[in-house]
Amino acid sequence: MIKDNPEILPAIVAVINKTATNQEKMLVDNWLSEDERNYAIFEKLQKIRYNGSFEHAYDSKERIFNIIQNRVSKYSYKRKTKMWQYISAASIALLIIIGGLSLFSTIKDENISYVETKCEYGSKSKITLSDGSIVELNSGSVLRYPNSFSGKERVVVLEGEAYFDVAKNKQQPFVVKTNSINVKVLGTHFNVKAYSDDNKIITTLLEGLVKVEKTDSLLNEQSIILSPNQQYVFDRLSGSVNINEVDASMYATWRNGSYYFDAETFSDIVKKLERGFNIRIDIKSPRLQNELFSGVFDRGESIQQILDLFKKHRKFDYRQAGNVIEIYEI
């Protein structure tokens, strides 16, 4: 929540006021991915700032105003503008920090409870959602979702990688939220890879149609429609987007325990192997980290077999002590 992260306050204010730096946008994106409640808070702050109104399903603007006004009277802090002209993210977020006001607890639907499923390194899991949609989680991934879907959209929050087989419902689109993109569908098969420690977020479509929304921290929305065997790649560092034509099925082979690498850096490959084998791998050579490798490895092949094959094409060796592997040049 906001009160546990003092650095997030000025970043949220800057994003909503459209003055945020890239670093502030990244900070807010990461905060949004931590908890589905943060999305609710952020969206309501935007409505107060720009629309000045709430949907009828939530508490009235007047009630929120009264809560804020009562809290403000208990604290003193200087503002250049009058309070009723500054009912923005700054005043509300500050109240959340110093007064313990949880906006989400005011606006949420109390009948909805959320579930968080974590998939540890070295394992995979399958989830059947209340609408019949099936989600397969890869190692080191987290999915947050409601016990039952209500409202206009079926929203889940993903950190990590997952394969989605979405039940069709034209009246209630399915939305996968990550820390930088949203994927909206009616019913389809697709893969989303959005680990917090990866520079790239990748959506690969196997069947149907999806709309991928690159959001500037939920402002200035930009969307692209994908067709089967297209891949959406968002680089979080540069902000660039690439659309690639691929064999989409290869990017979901992890579901069967296989590994597919297509001209990937050794450092990125190592991240996948660490998650899949629940092991730590140290690359001692900076040059090796940036070397490109390709390959397909079937289920059942050990980490040693995979590294031994890579060794045939590059000059390196490795040593293992317990759960740690060190890779070095020779």
C-alpha atoms as a PDB file:
ATOM      1  CA  MET A   1       0.000   0.000   0.000  1.00  0.00           C
ATOM      2  CA  ILE A   2       1.016   3.637  -0.362  1.00  0.00           C
ATOM      3  CA  LYS A   3       1.738   4.202   3.308  1.00  0.00           C
ATOM      4  CA  ASP A   4       4.389   1.462   3.218  1.00  0.00           C
ATOM      5  CA  ASN A   5       6.234   3.065   0.309  1.00  0.00           C
ATOM      6  CA  PRO A   6       6.849   6.814   0.794  1.00  0.00           C
ATOM      7  CA  GLU A   7       8.658   7.098  -2.540  1.00  0.00           C
ATOM      8  CA  ILE A   8       5.498   6.230  -4.445  1.00  0.00           C
ATOM      9  CA  LEU A   9       3.562   9.365  -3.400  1.00  0.00           C
ATOM     10  CA  PRO A  10       5.330  11.960  -5.573  1.00  0.00           C
ATOM     11  CA  ALA A  11       5.510   9.470  -8.430  1.00  0.00           C
ATOM     12  CA  ILE A  12       1.728   8.891  -8.384  1.00  0.00           C
ATOM     13  CA  VAL A  13       1.087  12.624  -8.282  1.00  0.00           C
ATOM     14  CA  ALA A  14       3.455  13.196 -11.208  1.00  0.00           C
ATOM     15  CA  VAL A  15       1.881  10.415 -13.284  1.00  0.00           C
ATOM     16  CA  ILE A  16      -1.665  11.654 -12.755  1.00  0.00           C
ATOM     17  CA  ASN A  17      -0.587  15.235 -13.496  1.00  0.00           C
ATOM     18  CA  LYS A  18       1.280  14.012 -16.638  1.00  0.00           C
ATOM     19  CA  THR A  19       4.643  15.348 -15.469  1.00  0.00           C
ATOM     20  CA  ALA A  20       6.294  12.031 -14.527  1.00  0.00           C
ATOM     21  CA  THR A  21       9.815  11.084 -15.508  1.00  0.00           C
ATOM     22  CA  ASN A  22      10.529   7.613 -16.927  1.00  0.00           C
ATOM     23  CA  GLN A  23      11.845   6.559 -13.524  1.00  0.00           C
ATOM     24  CA  GLU A  24       8.633   7.708 -11.807  1.00  0.00           C
ATOM     25  CA  LYS A  25       6.522   5.896 -14.400  1.00  0.00           C
ATOM     26  CA  MET A  26       8.495   2.696 -13.795  1.00  0.00           C
ATOM     27  CA  LEU A  27       8.056   3.102 -10.020  1.00  0.00           C
ATOM     28  CA  VAL A  28       4.285   3.456 -10.373  1.00  0.00           C
ATOM     29  CA  ASP A  29       4.088   0.550 -12.834  1.00  0.00           C
ATOM     30  CA  ASN A  30       5.874  -1.702 -10.336  1.00  0.00           C
ATOM     31  CA  TRP A  31       3.608  -0.508  -7.509  1.00  0.00           C
ATOM     32  CA  LEU A  32       0.530  -1.301  -9.606  1.00  0.00           C
ATOM     33  CA  SER A  33       1.762  -4.857 -10.203  1.00  0.00           C
ATOM     34  CA  GLU A  34       2.224  -5.543  -6.475  1.00  0.00           C
ATOM     35  CA  ASP A  35      -1.453  -5.690  -5.524  1.00  0.00           C
ATOM     36  CA  GLU A  36      -4.747  -5.601  -7.431  1.00  0.00           C
ATOM     37  CA  ARG A  37      -5.999  -3.121  -4.833  1.00  0.00           C
ATOM     38  CA  ASN A  38      -3.424  -0.616  -6.063  1.00  0.00           C
ATOM     39  CA  TYR A  39      -5.161  -0.560  -9.449  1.00  0.00           C
ATOM     40  CA  ALA A  40      -8.435   0.293  -7.741  1.00  0.00           C
ATOM     41  CA  ILE A  41      -6.805   3.081  -5.767  1.00  0.00           C
ATOM     42  CA  PHE A  42      -5.045   4.511  -8.800  1.00  0.00           C
ATOM     43  CA  GLU A  43      -8.117   4.433 -11.045  1.00  0.00           C
ATOM     44  CA  LYS A  44     -10.267   6.160  -8.429  1.00  0.00           C
ATOM     45  CA  LEU A  45      -7.622   8.830  -7.887  1.00  0.00           C
ATOM     46  CA  GLN A  46      -7.688   9.493 -11.617  1.00  0.00           C
ATOM     47  CA  LYS A  47     -11.469   9.817 -11.582  1.00  0.00           C
ATOM     48  CA  ILE A  48     -11.367  12.291  -8.727  1.00  0.00           C
ATOM     49  CA  ARG A  49      -8.585  14.280 -10.409  1.00  0.00           C
ATOM     50  CA  TYR A  50      -9.988  14.407 -13.940  1.00  0.00           C
ATOM     51  CA  ASN A  51     -13.673  13.530 -13.808  1.00  0.00           C
ATOM     52  CA  GLY A  52     -14.642  14.569 -10.324  1.00  0.00           C
ATOM     53  CA  SER A  53     -17.168  11.746 -10.101  1.00  0.00           C
ATOM     54  CA  PHE A  54     -17.608   8.111  -9.152  1.00  0.00           C
ATOM     55  CA  GLU A  55     -19.712   5.390 -10.680  1.00  0.00           C
ATOM     56  CA  HIS A  56     -22.936   4.743  -8.799  1.00  0.00           C
ATOM     57  CA  ALA A  57     -21.559   1.416  -7.601  1.00  0.00           C
ATOM     58  CA  TYR A  58     -19.146   3.211  -5.316  1.00  0.00           C
ATOM     59  CA  ASP A  59     -19.442   5.717  -2.523  1.00  0.00           C
ATOM     60  CA  SER A  60     -20.469   9.160  -3.677  1.00  0.00           C
ATOM     61  CA  LYS A  61     -17.983  11.896  -4.382  1.00  0.00           C
ATOM     62  CA  GLU A  62     -19.532  13.903  -1.550  1.00  0.00           C
ATOM     63  CA  ARG A  63     -18.795  11.165   0.964  1.00  0.00           C
ATOM     64  CA  ILE A  64     -15.190  10.864  -0.208  1.00  0.00           C
ATOM     65  CA  PHE A  65     -14.925  14.663  -0.077  1.00  0.00           C
ATOM     66  CA  ASN A  66     -16.207  14.687   3.506  1.00  0.00           C
ATOM     67  CA  ILE A  67     -13.751  11.971   4.535  1.00  0.00           C
ATOM     68  CA  ILE A  68     -10.897  13.950   3.034  1.00  0.00           C
ATOM     69  CA  GLN A  69     -12.063  17.222   4.533  1.00  0.00           C
ATOM     70  CA  ASN A  70     -12.353  15.689   7.995  1.00  0.00           C
ATOM     71  CA  ARG A  71      -8.882  14.130   7.729  1.00  0.00           C
ATOM     72  CA  VAL A  72      -7.343  17.367   6.466  1.00  0.00           C
ATOM     73  CA  SER A  73      -8.627  19.242   9.484  1.00  0.00           C
ATOM     74  CA  LYS A  74      -6.506  16.953  11.726  1.00  0.00           C
ATOM     75  CA  TYR A  75      -3.207  17.648   9.958  1.00  0.00           C
ATOM     76  CA  SER A  76      -1.359  20.744   8.848  1.00  0.00           C
ATOM     77  CA  TYR A  77       0.576  20.853   5.610  1.00  0.00           C
ATOM     78  CA  LYS A  78       1.036  23.762   3.205  1.00  0.00           C
ATOM     79  CA  ARG A  79      -0.569  23.886  -0.208  1.00  0.00           C
ATOM     80  CA  LYS A  80      -0.435  26.686  -2.762  1.00  0.00           C
ATOM     81  CA  THR A  81      -3.981  26.023  -3.946  1.00  0.00           C
ATOM     82  CA  LYS A  82      -7.212  25.842  -2.002  1.00  0.00           C
ATOM     83  CA  MET A  83      -8.181  22.427  -0.748  1.00  0.00           C
ATOM     84  CA  TRP A  84     -11.385  22.205  -2.804  1.00  0.00           C
ATOM     85  CA  GLN A  85      -9.338  23.020  -5.914  1.00  0.00           C
ATOM     86  CA  TYR A  86      -6.794  20.364  -5.100  1.00  0.00           C
ATOM     87  CA  ILE A  87      -8.817  17.219  -4.600  1.00  0.00           C
ATOM     88  CA  SER A  88      -6.213  15.331  -6.584  1.00  0.00           C
ATOM     89  CA  ALA A  89      -3.947  12.387  -6.116  1.00  0.00           C
ATOM     90  CA  ALA A  90      -1.592  14.468  -3.976  1.00  0.00           C
ATOM     91  CA  SER A  91      -4.085  15.254  -1.199  1.00  0.00           C
ATOM     92  CA  ILE A  92      -5.726  11.837  -1.192  1.00  0.00           C
ATOM     93  CA  ALA A  93      -2.495   9.877  -1.366  1.00  0.00           C
ATOM     94  CA  LEU A  94      -1.032  11.986   1.443  1.00  0.00           C
ATOM     95  CA  LEU A  95      -4.065  11.184   3.559  1.00  0.00           C
ATOM     96  CA  ILE A  96      -3.555   7.503   2.874  1.00  0.00           C
ATOM     97  CA  ILE A  97      -0.021   7.794   4.233  1.00  0.00           C
ATOM     98  CA  ILE A  98      -0.481  10.005   7.288  1.00  0.00           C
ATOM     99  CA  GLY A  99      -4.031   9.123   8.218  1.00  0.00           C
ATOM    100  CA  GLY A 100      -4.196   5.453   7.393  1.00  0.00           C
ATOM    101  CA  LEU A 101      -7.083   6.024   4.981  1.00  0.00           C
ATOM    102  CA  SER A 102      -7.429   3.108   2.603  1.00  0.00           C
ATOM    103  CA  LEU A 103      -9.363   4.387  -0.360  1.00  0.00           C
ATOM    104  CA  PHE A 104      -9.758   0.838  -1.598  1.00  0.00           C
ATOM    105  CA  SER A 105     -11.574  -0.189   1.553  1.00  0.00           C
ATOM    106  CA  THR A 106     -14.054   2.615   0.846  1.00  0.00           C
ATOM    107  CA  ILE A 107     -14.649   1.886  -2.812  1.00  0.00           C
ATOM    108  CA  LYS A 108     -14.250  -1.885  -3.101  1.00  0.00           C
ATOM    109  CA  ASP A 109     -17.091  -4.338  -3.493  1.00  0.00           C
ATOM    110  CA  GLU A 110     -17.099  -6.095  -0.141  1.00  0.00           C
ATOM    111  CA  ASN A 111     -18.639  -9.203  -1.697  1.00  0.00           C
ATOM    112  CA  ILE A 112     -15.511  -9.851  -3.776  1.00  0.00           C
ATOM    113  CA  SER A 113     -12.547 -11.676  -2.254  1.00  0.00           C
ATOM    114  CA  TYR A 114      -9.252 -12.171  -4.046  1.00  0.00           C
ATOM    115  CA  VAL A 115      -6.980 -15.175  -4.342  1.00  0.00           C
ATOM    116  CA  GLU A 116      -3.236 -15.116  -4.927  1.00  0.00           C
ATOM    117  CA  THR A 117      -1.596 -18.199  -6.378  1.00  0.00           C
ATOM    118  CA  LYS A 118       2.212 -18.368  -6.282  1.00  0.00           C
ATOM    119  CA  CYS A 119       4.204 -20.844  -8.316  1.00  0.00           C
ATOM    120  CA  GLU A 120       7.606 -21.476  -6.771  1.00  0.00           C
ATOM    121  CA  TYR A 121      10.827 -21.953  -8.738  1.00  0.00           C
ATOM    122  CA  GLY A 122      11.099 -25.450 -10.121  1.00  0.00           C
ATOM    123  CA  SER A 123       7.352 -25.988 -10.301  1.00  0.00           C
ATOM    124  CA  LYS A 124       4.283 -25.216 -12.421  1.00  0.00           C
ATOM    125  CA  SER A 125       0.600 -24.984 -11.582  1.00  0.00           C
ATOM    126  CA  LYS A 126      -2.789 -24.955 -13.298  1.00  0.00           C
ATOM    127  CA  ILE A 127      -5.728 -22.828 -12.152  1.00  0.00           C
ATOM    128  CA  THR A 128      -9.365 -22.997 -13.236  1.00  0.00           C
ATOM    129  CA  LEU A 129     -11.056 -19.629 -12.746  1.00  0.00           C
ATOM    130  CA  SER A 130     -14.709 -19.148 -11.826  1.00  0.00           C
ATOM    131  CA  ASP A 131     -15.687 -18.506 -15.474  1.00  0.00           C
ATOM    132  CA  GLY A 132     -14.092 -21.748 -16.647  1.00  0.00           C
ATOM    133  CA  SER A 133     -10.938 -20.093 -18.013  1.00  0.00           C
ATOM    134  CA  ILE A 134      -7.767 -22.105 -17.454  1.00  0.00           C
ATOM    135  CA  VAL A 135      -4.446 -20.522 -16.494  1.00  0.00           C
ATOM    136  CA  GLU A 136      -1.147 -22.400 -16.431  1.00  0.00           C
ATOM    137  CA  LEU A 137       1.544 -20.675 -14.354  1.00  0.00           C
ATOM    138  CA  ASN A 138       5.246 -21.028 -15.048  1.00  0.00           C
ATOM    139  CA  SER A 139       7.954 -21.159 -12.372  1.00  0.00           C
ATOM    140  CA  GLY A 140       8.378 -18.055 -10.226  1.00  0.00           C
ATOM    141  CA  SER A 141       5.009 -16.562 -11.228  1.00  0.00           C
ATOM    142  CA  VAL A 142       2.137 -15.000  -9.273  1.00  0.00           C
ATOM    143  CA  LEU A 143      -1.497 -14.641 -10.348  1.00  0.00           C
ATOM    144  CA  ARG A 144      -4.062 -12.568  -8.462  1.00  0.00           C
ATOM    145  CA  TYR A 145      -7.740 -13.040  -9.300  1.00  0.00           C
ATOM    146  CA  PRO A 146     -11.207 -12.759  -7.693  1.00  0.00           C
ATOM    147  CA  ASN A 147     -13.136 -15.740  -6.399  1.00  0.00           C
ATOM    148  CA  SER A 148     -15.856 -14.774  -8.860  1.00  0.00           C
ATOM    149  CA  PHE A 149     -15.935 -12.233 -11.667  1.00  0.00           C
ATOM    150  CA  SER A 150     -18.322  -9.279 -11.518  1.00  0.00           C
ATOM    151  CA  GLY A 151     -18.567  -5.968 -13.299  1.00  0.00           C
ATOM    152  CA  LYS A 152     -17.854  -5.214 -16.936  1.00  0.00           C
ATOM    153  CA  GLU A 153     -14.538  -7.102 -17.174  1.00  0.00           C
ATOM    154  CA  ARG A 154     -12.872 -10.254 -15.881  1.00  0.00           C
ATOM    155  CA  VAL A 155      -9.600  -8.881 -14.511  1.00  0.00           C
ATOM    156  CA  VAL A 156      -6.561 -10.819 -13.293  1.00  0.00           C
ATOM    157  CA  VAL A 157      -3.091  -9.533 -12.380  1.00  0.00           C
ATOM    158  CA  LEU A 158       0.032 -11.398 -13.474  1.00  0.00           C
ATOM    159  CA  GLU A 159       3.651 -11.185 -12.458  1.00  0.00           C
ATOM    160  CA  GLY A 160       5.706 -13.798 -14.261  1.00  0.00           C
ATOM    161  CA  GLU A 161       4.619 -16.076 -17.106  1.00  0.00           C
ATOM    162  CA  ALA A 162       1.308 -17.767 -17.807  1.00  0.00           C
ATOM    163  CA  TYR A 163      -0.599 -19.481 -20.593  1.00  0.00           C
ATOM    164  CA  PHE A 164      -4.283 -18.534 -20.822  1.00  0.00           C
ATOM    165  CA  ASP A 165      -7.162 -20.561 -22.279  1.00  0.00           C
ATOM    166  CA  VAL A 166      -9.952 -18.026 -21.871  1.00  0.00           C
ATOM    167  CA  ALA A 167     -13.638 -18.944 -21.813  1.00  0.00           C
ATOM    168  CA  LYS A 168     -15.617 -16.889 -24.313  1.00  0.00           C
ATOM    169  CA  ASN A 169     -17.881 -14.145 -23.002  1.00  0.00           C
ATOM    170  CA  LYS A 170     -18.491 -11.198 -25.326  1.00  0.00           C
ATOM    171  CA  GLN A 171     -20.328  -9.285 -22.619  1.00  0.00           C
ATOM    172  CA  GLN A 172     -17.427  -9.537 -20.167  1.00  0.00           C
ATOM    173  CA  PRO A 173     -13.952  -9.213 -21.740  1.00  0.00           C
ATOM    174  CA  PHE A 174     -11.026 -10.915 -20.004  1.00  0.00           C
ATOM    175  CA  VAL A 175      -8.138  -8.614 -19.027  1.00  0.00           C
ATOM    176  CA  VAL A 176      -4.641  -9.622 -17.943  1.00  0.00           C
ATOM    177  CA  LYS A 177      -2.877  -6.746 -16.187  1.00  0.00           C
ATOM    178  CA  THR A 178       0.906  -6.617 -15.834  1.00  0.00           C
ATOM    179  CA  ASN A 179       3.179  -3.839 -14.651  1.00  0.00           C
ATOM    180  CA  SER A 180       3.387  -2.206 -18.096  1.00  0.00           C
ATOM    181  CA  ILE A 181       0.788  -3.681 -20.440  1.00  0.00           C
ATOM    182  CA  ASN A 182      -2.775  -4.955 -20.368  1.00  0.00           C
ATOM    183  CA  VAL A 183      -4.018  -7.785 -22.594  1.00  0.00           C
ATOM    184  CA  LYS A 184      -7.757  -7.763 -23.361  1.00  0.00           C
ATOM    185  CA  VAL A 185      -9.589 -10.698 -24.954  1.00  0.00           C
ATOM    186  CA  LEU A 186     -13.045 -12.209 -25.387  1.00  0.00           C
ATOM    187  CA  GLY A 187     -11.909 -15.823 -25.653  1.00  0.00           C
ATOM    188  CA  THR A 188      -8.605 -17.151 -26.965  1.00  0.00           C
ATOM    189  CA  HIS A 189      -5.276 -18.909 -26.277  1.00  0.00           C
ATOM    190  CA  PHE A 190      -2.219 -16.795 -25.548  1.00  0.00           C
ATOM    191  CA  ASN A 191       0.965 -16.598 -23.486  1.00  0.00           C
ATOM    192  CA  VAL A 192       2.122 -13.635 -21.394  1.00  0.00           C
ATOM    193  CA  LYS A 193       5.643 -13.337 -19.990  1.00  0.00           C
ATOM    194  CA  ALA A 194       6.017 -10.454 -17.547  1.00  0.00           C
ATOM    195  CA  TYR A 195       8.574 -11.210 -14.852  1.00  0.00           C
ATOM    196  CA  SER A 196       9.498  -8.191 -12.739  1.00  0.00           C
ATOM    197  CA  ASP A 197      13.226  -8.799 -13.241  1.00  0.00           C
ATOM    198  CA  ASP A 198      12.976  -9.054 -17.048  1.00  0.00           C
ATOM    199  CA  ASN A 199      13.477  -6.008 -19.256  1.00  0.00           C
ATOM    200  CA  LYS A 200      10.923  -7.213 -21.802  1.00  0.00           C
ATOM    201  CA  ILE A 201       7.247  -8.080 -21.484  1.00  0.00           C
ATOM    202  CA  ILE A 202       6.104 -10.492 -24.199  1.00  0.00           C
ATOM    203  CA  THR A 203       2.610 -11.479 -25.314  1.00  0.00           C
ATOM    204  CA  THR A 204       2.331 -14.301 -27.862  1.00  0.00           C
ATOM    205  CA  LEU A 205      -0.986 -15.183 -29.495  1.00  0.00           C
ATOM    206  CA  LEU A 206      -1.726 -18.797 -30.417  1.00  0.00           C
ATOM    207  CA  GLU A 207      -5.402 -18.579 -31.316  1.00  0.00           C
ATOM    208  CA  GLY A 208      -8.107 -15.908 -31.623  1.00  0.00           C
ATOM    209  CA  LEU A 209      -7.545 -12.153 -31.287  1.00  0.00           C
ATOM    210  CA  VAL A 210      -6.221 -10.033 -28.446  1.00  0.00           C
ATOM    211  CA  LYS A 211      -5.809  -6.327 -27.895  1.00  0.00           C
ATOM    212  CA  VAL A 212      -2.582  -5.376 -26.118  1.00  0.00           C
ATOM    213  CA  GLU A 213      -2.608  -2.000 -24.419  1.00  0.00           C
ATOM    214  CA  LYS A 214       0.701  -0.343 -23.669  1.00  0.00           C
ATOM    215  CA  THR A 215      -0.208   2.078 -20.953  1.00  0.00           C
ATOM    216  CA  ASP A 216       1.729   5.109 -19.861  1.00  0.00           C
ATOM    217  CA  SER A 217       0.973   4.199 -16.265  1.00  0.00           C
ATOM    218  CA  LEU A 218      -2.679   3.801 -17.245  1.00  0.00           C
ATOM    219  CA  LEU A 219      -2.627   7.145 -19.065  1.00  0.00           C
ATOM    220  CA  ASN A 220      -2.264   7.844 -22.788  1.00  0.00           C
ATOM    221  CA  GLU A 221      -3.391   4.361 -23.744  1.00  0.00           C
ATOM    222  CA  GLN A 222      -1.875   2.790 -26.853  1.00  0.00           C
ATOM    223  CA  SER A 223      -3.299  -0.482 -28.186  1.00  0.00           C
ATOM    224  CA  ILE A 224      -2.416  -3.024 -30.880  1.00  0.00           C
ATOM    225  CA  ILE A 225      -4.519  -5.950 -32.134  1.00  0.00           C
ATOM    226  CA  LEU A 226      -2.617  -9.225 -32.503  1.00  0.00           C
ATOM    227  CA  SER A 227      -3.430 -12.071 -34.884  1.00  0.00           C
ATOM    228  CA  PRO A 228      -2.375 -15.705 -34.357  1.00  0.00           C
ATOM    229  CA  ASN A 229       1.403 -16.268 -34.525  1.00  0.00           C
ATOM    230  CA  GLN A 230       2.121 -12.646 -33.745  1.00  0.00           C
ATOM    231  CA  GLN A 231       4.138 -11.568 -30.753  1.00  0.00           C
ATOM    232  CA  TYR A 232       4.061  -8.238 -28.922  1.00  0.00           C
ATOM    233  CA  VAL A 233       7.379  -7.299 -27.284  1.00  0.00           C
ATOM    234  CA  PHE A 234       7.545  -4.276 -24.981  1.00  0.00           C
ATOM    235  CA  ASP A 235      10.982  -3.116 -23.833  1.00  0.00           C
ATOM    236  CA  ARG A 236      10.550  -1.543 -20.416  1.00  0.00           C
ATOM    237  CA  LEU A 237      13.891   0.273 -20.571  1.00  0.00           C
ATOM    238  CA  SER A 238      13.490   1.980 -23.936  1.00  0.00           C
ATOM    239  CA  GLY A 239       9.693   2.035 -24.053  1.00  0.00           C
ATOM    240  CA  SER A 240       9.781   0.559 -27.571  1.00  0.00           C
ATOM    241  CA  VAL A 241       7.288  -1.963 -28.975  1.00  0.00           C
ATOM    242  CA  ASN A 242       7.986  -4.598 -31.635  1.00  0.00           C
ATOM    243  CA  ILE A 243       5.534  -6.913 -33.350  1.00  0.00           C
ATOM    244  CA  ASN A 244       7.123 -10.174 -34.500  1.00  0.00           C
ATOM    245  CA  GLU A 245       5.860 -13.002 -36.694  1.00  0.00           C
ATOM    246  CA  VAL A 246       6.646 -16.235 -34.818  1.00  0.00           C
ATOM    247  CA  ASP A 247       5.696 -19.855 -34.419  1.00  0.00           C
ATOM    248  CA  ALA A 248       3.567 -19.099 -31.380  1.00  0.00           C
ATOM    249  CA  SER A 249       3.352 -22.704 -30.220  1.00  0.00           C
ATOM    250  CA  MET A 250       7.085 -22.703 -29.477  1.00  0.00           C
ATOM    251  CA  TYR A 251       6.620 -19.976 -26.861  1.00  0.00           C
ATOM    252  CA  ALA A 252       4.264 -22.168 -24.851  1.00  0.00           C
ATOM    253  CA  THR A 253       6.463 -25.286 -24.836  1.00  0.00           C
ATOM    254  CA  TRP A 254       7.355 -24.559 -21.195  1.00  0.00           C
ATOM    255  CA  ARG A 255       3.920 -25.982 -20.306  1.00  0.00           C
ATOM    256  CA  ASN A 256       5.274 -29.428 -21.192  1.00  0.00           C
ATOM    257  CA  GLY A 257       8.563 -28.904 -19.399  1.00  0.00           C
ATOM    258  CA  SER A 258      10.521 -27.974 -22.555  1.00  0.00           C
ATOM    259  CA  TYR A 259      12.759 -24.973 -23.170  1.00  0.00           C
ATOM    260  CA  TYR A 260      12.830 -22.885 -26.352  1.00  0.00           C
ATOM    261  CA  PHE A 261      15.526 -20.271 -26.910  1.00  0.00           C
ATOM    262  CA  ASP A 262      15.543 -18.142 -30.057  1.00  0.00           C
ATOM    263  CA  ALA A 263      18.700 -15.990 -30.318  1.00  0.00           C
ATOM    264  CA  GLU A 264      18.493 -15.054 -26.642  1.00  0.00           C
ATOM    265  CA  THR A 265      21.314 -13.686 -24.522  1.00  0.00           C
ATOM    266  CA  PHE A 266      22.949 -16.147 -22.174  1.00  0.00           C
ATOM    267  CA  SER A 267      21.938 -13.984 -19.200  1.00  0.00           C
ATOM    268  CA  ASP A 268      18.254 -14.206 -20.212  1.00  0.00           C
ATOM    269  CA  ILE A 269      18.532 -17.960 -20.747  1.00  0.00           C
ATOM    270  CA  VAL A 270      20.081 -18.354 -17.310  1.00  0.00           C
ATOM    271  CA  LYS A 271      17.067 -16.618 -15.723  1.00  0.00           C
ATOM    272  CA  LYS A 272      14.753 -19.186 -17.302  1.00  0.00           C
ATOM    273  CA  LEU A 273      16.954 -22.064 -16.166  1.00  0.00           C
ATOM    274  CA  GLU A 274      17.140 -20.700 -12.620  1.00  0.00           C
ATOM    275  CA  ARG A 275      13.362 -20.531 -12.422  1.00  0.00           C
ATOM    276  CA  GLY A 276      12.822 -23.919 -14.023  1.00  0.00           C
ATOM    277  CA  PHE A 277      15.423 -25.858 -12.033  1.00  0.00           C
ATOM    278  CA  ASN A 278      15.254 -23.817  -8.813  1.00  0.00           C
ATOM    279  CA  ILE A 279      18.984 -23.271  -8.918  1.00  0.00           C
ATOM    280  CA  ARG A 280      21.337 -20.274  -8.847  1.00  0.00           C
ATOM    281  CA  ILE A 281      23.617 -19.721 -11.834  1.00  0.00           C
ATOM    282  CA  ASP A 282      26.487 -17.233 -11.808  1.00  0.00           C
ATOM    283  CA  ILE A 283      28.035 -16.146 -15.113  1.00  0.00           C
ATOM    284  CA  LYS A 284      31.510 -14.874 -14.265  1.00  0.00           C
ATOM    285  CA  SER A 285      32.225 -13.466 -17.718  1.00  0.00           C
ATOM    286  CA  PRO A 286      30.475 -10.254 -18.927  1.00  0.00           C
ATOM    287  CA  ARG A 287      31.184 -11.302 -22.513  1.00  0.00           C
ATOM    288  CA  LEU A 288      29.382 -14.611 -22.022  1.00  0.00           C
ATOM    289  CA  GLN A 289      26.361 -12.854 -20.544  1.00  0.00           C
ATOM    290  CA  ASN A 290      25.699 -11.141 -23.872  1.00  0.00           C
ATOM    291  CA  GLU A 291      26.395 -14.128 -26.128  1.00  0.00           C
ATOM    292  CA  LEU A 292      23.371 -15.273 -28.145  1.00  0.00           C
ATOM    293  CA  PHE A 293      22.156 -18.865 -28.048  1.00  0.00           C
ATOM    294  CA  SER A 294      19.332 -20.800 -29.693  1.00  0.00           C
ATOM    295  CA  GLY A 295      18.002 -24.265 -28.998  1.00  0.00           C
ATOM    296  CA  VAL A 296      15.124 -26.518 -28.018  1.00  0.00           C
ATOM    297  CA  PHE A 297      15.439 -28.821 -25.024  1.00  0.00           C
ATOM    298  CA  ASP A 298      12.941 -31.541 -24.241  1.00  0.00           C
ATOM    299  CA  ARG A 299      11.375 -32.350 -20.932  1.00  0.00           C
ATOM    300  CA  GLY A 300      13.592 -34.499 -18.779  1.00  0.00           C
ATOM    301  CA  GLU A 301      16.916 -33.022 -19.845  1.00  0.00           C
ATOM    302  CA  SER A 302      18.970 -31.971 -16.846  1.00  0.00           C
ATOM    303  CA  ILE A 303      20.593 -28.591 -16.303  1.00  0.00           C
ATOM    304  CA  GLN A 304      23.952 -30.286 -16.868  1.00  0.00           C
ATOM    305  CA  GLN A 305      22.841 -31.676 -20.246  1.00  0.00           C
ATOM    306  CA  ILE A 306      21.647 -28.247 -21.348  1.00  0.00           C
ATOM    307  CA  LEU A 307      24.879 -26.513 -20.326  1.00  0.00           C
ATOM    308  CA  ASP A 308      26.974 -29.260 -21.908  1.00  0.00           C
ATOM    309  CA  LEU A 309      25.274 -28.654 -25.248  1.00  0.00           C
ATOM    310  CA  PHE A 310      25.879 -24.911 -25.005  1.00  0.00           C
ATOM    311  CA  LYS A 311      29.537 -25.626 -24.202  1.00  0.00           C
ATOM    312  CA  LYS A 312      29.973 -27.213 -27.625  1.00  0.00           C
ATOM    313  CA  HIS A 313      29.324 -23.864 -29.294  1.00  0.00           C
ATOM    314  CA  ARG A 314      31.057 -21.472 -26.898  1.00  0.00           C
ATOM    315  CA  LYS A 315      34.295 -21.650 -24.923  1.00  0.00           C
ATOM    316  CA  PHE A 316      33.182 -21.920 -21.331  1.00  0.00           C
ATOM    317  CA  ASP A 317      32.962 -24.423 -18.539  1.00  0.00           C
ATOM    318  CA  TYR A 318      31.082 -24.641 -15.260  1.00  0.00           C
ATOM    319  CA  ARG A 319      31.372 -26.035 -11.791  1.00  0.00           C
ATOM    320  CA  GLN A 320      28.582 -26.874  -9.380  1.00  0.00           C
ATOM    321  CA  ALA A 321      28.556 -26.741  -5.604  1.00  0.00           C
ATOM    322  CA  GLY A 322      25.219 -27.730  -4.138  1.00  0.00           C
ATOM    323  CA  ASN A 323      22.516 -25.490  -5.549  1.00  0.00           C
ATOM    324  CA  VAL A 324      24.914 -23.021  -7.194  1.00  0.00           C
ATOM    325  CA  ILE A 325      26.523 -23.254 -10.636  1.00  0.00           C
ATOM    326  CA  GLU A 326      29.388 -20.976 -11.677  1.00  0.00           C
ATOM    327  CA  ILE A 327      30.052 -20.468 -15.403  1.00  0.00           C
ATOM    328  CA  TYR A 328      33.441 -19.179 -16.525  1.00  0.00           C
ATOM    329  CA  GLU A 329      35.420 -18.711 -19.736  1.00  0.00           C
ATOM    330  CA  ILE A 330      38.221 -21.061 -20.737  1.00  0.00           C
END
